[in-house]
């Protein structure tokens, strides 16, 4: 691919966004996910101390992992994203089944 084609492709992909806006968006999402993770750890610790189930916390965490990998897979089509998405999906299904089977 020559230089002009690469530049044109980049312009199309980044239409209506400059680099600073993209960086701020990505950093904001990372910041948000960090605090979500911290909240999950605190809730999990509280549940463990009080002998409460933590399946819903794990369901939220693994749902986030699956959706992140699914999005990356649609954009990059990388084998590592597929593998980690499948692993995350299996763990998510485990916790969903465990959660819904508790009341039966």
Protein backbone atom coordinates (compact mmCIF):
# COMPACT_ATOMS: atom_id res chain seq x y z
CA UNK A 1 0.00 0.00 0.00
CA UNK A 2 1.49 3.37 -0.91
CA UNK A 3 1.67 6.42 1.33
CA UNK A 4 -1.32 8.22 -0.21
CA UNK A 5 -3.62 5.22 0.21
CA UNK A 6 -2.59 4.81 3.85
CA UNK A 7 -3.19 8.50 4.55
CA UNK A 8 -6.58 8.42 2.84
CA UNK A 9 -7.63 5.34 4.80
CA UNK A 10 -6.53 7.00 8.04
CA UNK A 11 -8.51 10.14 7.21
CA UNK A 12 -11.64 8.10 6.54
CA UNK A 13 -11.25 6.12 9.77
CA UNK A 14 -10.67 9.24 11.86
CA UNK A 15 -13.26 11.43 10.20
CA UNK A 16 -14.63 14.08 12.59
CA UNK A 17 -12.11 13.13 15.29
CA UNK A 18 -8.73 14.51 15.95
CA UNK A 19 -6.06 12.63 17.86
CA UNK A 20 -6.64 14.53 21.11
CA UNK A 21 -10.37 13.71 21.15
CA UNK A 22 -9.63 10.04 20.56
CA UNK A 23 -7.00 9.99 23.31
CA UNK A 24 -9.33 11.67 25.80
CA UNK A 25 -12.13 9.23 24.95
CA UNK A 26 -9.87 6.20 25.36
CA UNK A 27 -8.37 7.50 28.61
CA UNK A 28 -11.86 8.30 29.92
CA UNK A 29 -13.06 4.78 29.18
CA UNK A 30 -9.98 3.32 30.88
CA UNK A 31 -10.51 5.58 33.90
CA UNK A 32 -14.13 4.47 34.13
CA UNK A 33 -13.26 0.79 33.84
CA UNK A 34 -10.61 1.15 36.56
CA UNK A 35 -13.16 2.54 39.02
CA UNK A 36 -15.67 -0.13 38.01
CA UNK A 37 -13.03 -2.75 38.76
CA UNK A 38 -12.30 -1.14 42.15
CA UNK A 39 -16.02 -1.11 43.01
CA UNK A 40 -16.22 -4.78 42.03
CA UNK A 41 -13.27 -5.66 44.26
CA UNK A 42 -14.80 -3.79 47.20
CA UNK A 43 -18.20 -5.46 46.71
CA UNK A 44 -16.58 -8.87 46.28
CA UNK A 45 -14.55 -8.39 49.48
CA UNK A 46 -17.65 -7.29 51.39
CA UNK A 47 -19.60 -10.31 50.13
CA UNK A 48 -16.78 -12.70 51.08
CA UNK A 49 -16.55 -11.23 54.60
CA UNK A 50 -20.31 -11.65 55.09
CA UNK A 51 -20.63 -15.04 53.34
CA UNK A 52 -22.77 -13.59 50.55
CA UNK A 53 -22.70 -14.82 46.94
CA UNK A 54 -20.67 -12.79 44.46
CA UNK A 55 -21.92 -14.27 41.21
CA UNK A 56 -23.54 -11.03 40.01
CA UNK A 57 -20.25 -9.18 40.37
CA UNK A 58 -18.49 -11.81 38.29
CA UNK A 59 -21.29 -11.73 35.70
CA UNK A 60 -20.83 -7.97 35.28
CA UNK A 61 -17.04 -8.31 35.05
CA UNK A 62 -17.08 -11.13 32.46
CA UNK A 63 -19.82 -9.40 30.46
CA UNK A 64 -17.53 -6.39 30.20
CA UNK A 65 -14.65 -8.62 29.07
CA UNK A 66 -16.75 -10.42 26.44
CA UNK A 67 -18.21 -7.22 25.03
CA UNK A 68 -14.79 -5.55 24.88
CA UNK A 69 -13.26 -8.48 23.02
CA UNK A 70 -16.25 -8.77 20.70
CA UNK A 71 -15.91 -5.12 19.74
CA UNK A 72 -12.15 -5.47 19.21
CA UNK A 73 -12.71 -8.62 17.18
CA UNK A 74 -15.10 -6.82 14.83
CA UNK A 75 -12.59 -4.00 14.34
CA UNK A 76 -9.26 -5.87 14.23
CA UNK A 77 -10.14 -9.50 13.42
CA UNK A 78 -7.21 -10.67 15.53
CA UNK A 79 -6.98 -14.29 16.64
CA UNK A 80 -5.95 -13.34 20.19
CA UNK A 81 -9.17 -11.35 20.59
CA UNK A 82 -11.18 -14.36 19.43
CA UNK A 83 -9.43 -16.70 21.87
CA UNK A 84 -9.79 -14.38 24.86
CA UNK A 85 -13.42 -13.68 23.94
CA UNK A 86 -14.22 -17.40 23.85
CA UNK A 87 -12.51 -17.98 27.21
CA UNK A 88 -14.34 -15.02 28.74
CA UNK A 89 -17.64 -16.18 27.25
CA UNK A 90 -17.24 -19.67 28.74
CA UNK A 91 -16.56 -18.20 32.18
CA UNK A 92 -19.50 -15.79 31.79
CA UNK A 93 -21.86 -18.63 30.87
CA UNK A 94 -20.62 -20.58 33.91
CA UNK A 95 -21.48 -17.73 36.28
CA UNK A 96 -24.84 -17.00 34.61
CA UNK A 97 -25.88 -20.67 34.87
CA UNK A 98 -24.62 -20.83 38.46
CA UNK A 99 -26.52 -17.67 39.36
CA UNK A 100 -29.84 -18.78 37.87
CA UNK A 101 -29.57 -22.33 39.22
CA UNK A 102 -29.17 -21.18 42.85
CA UNK A 103 -32.88 -20.67 43.32
CA UNK A 104 -33.89 -24.06 41.91
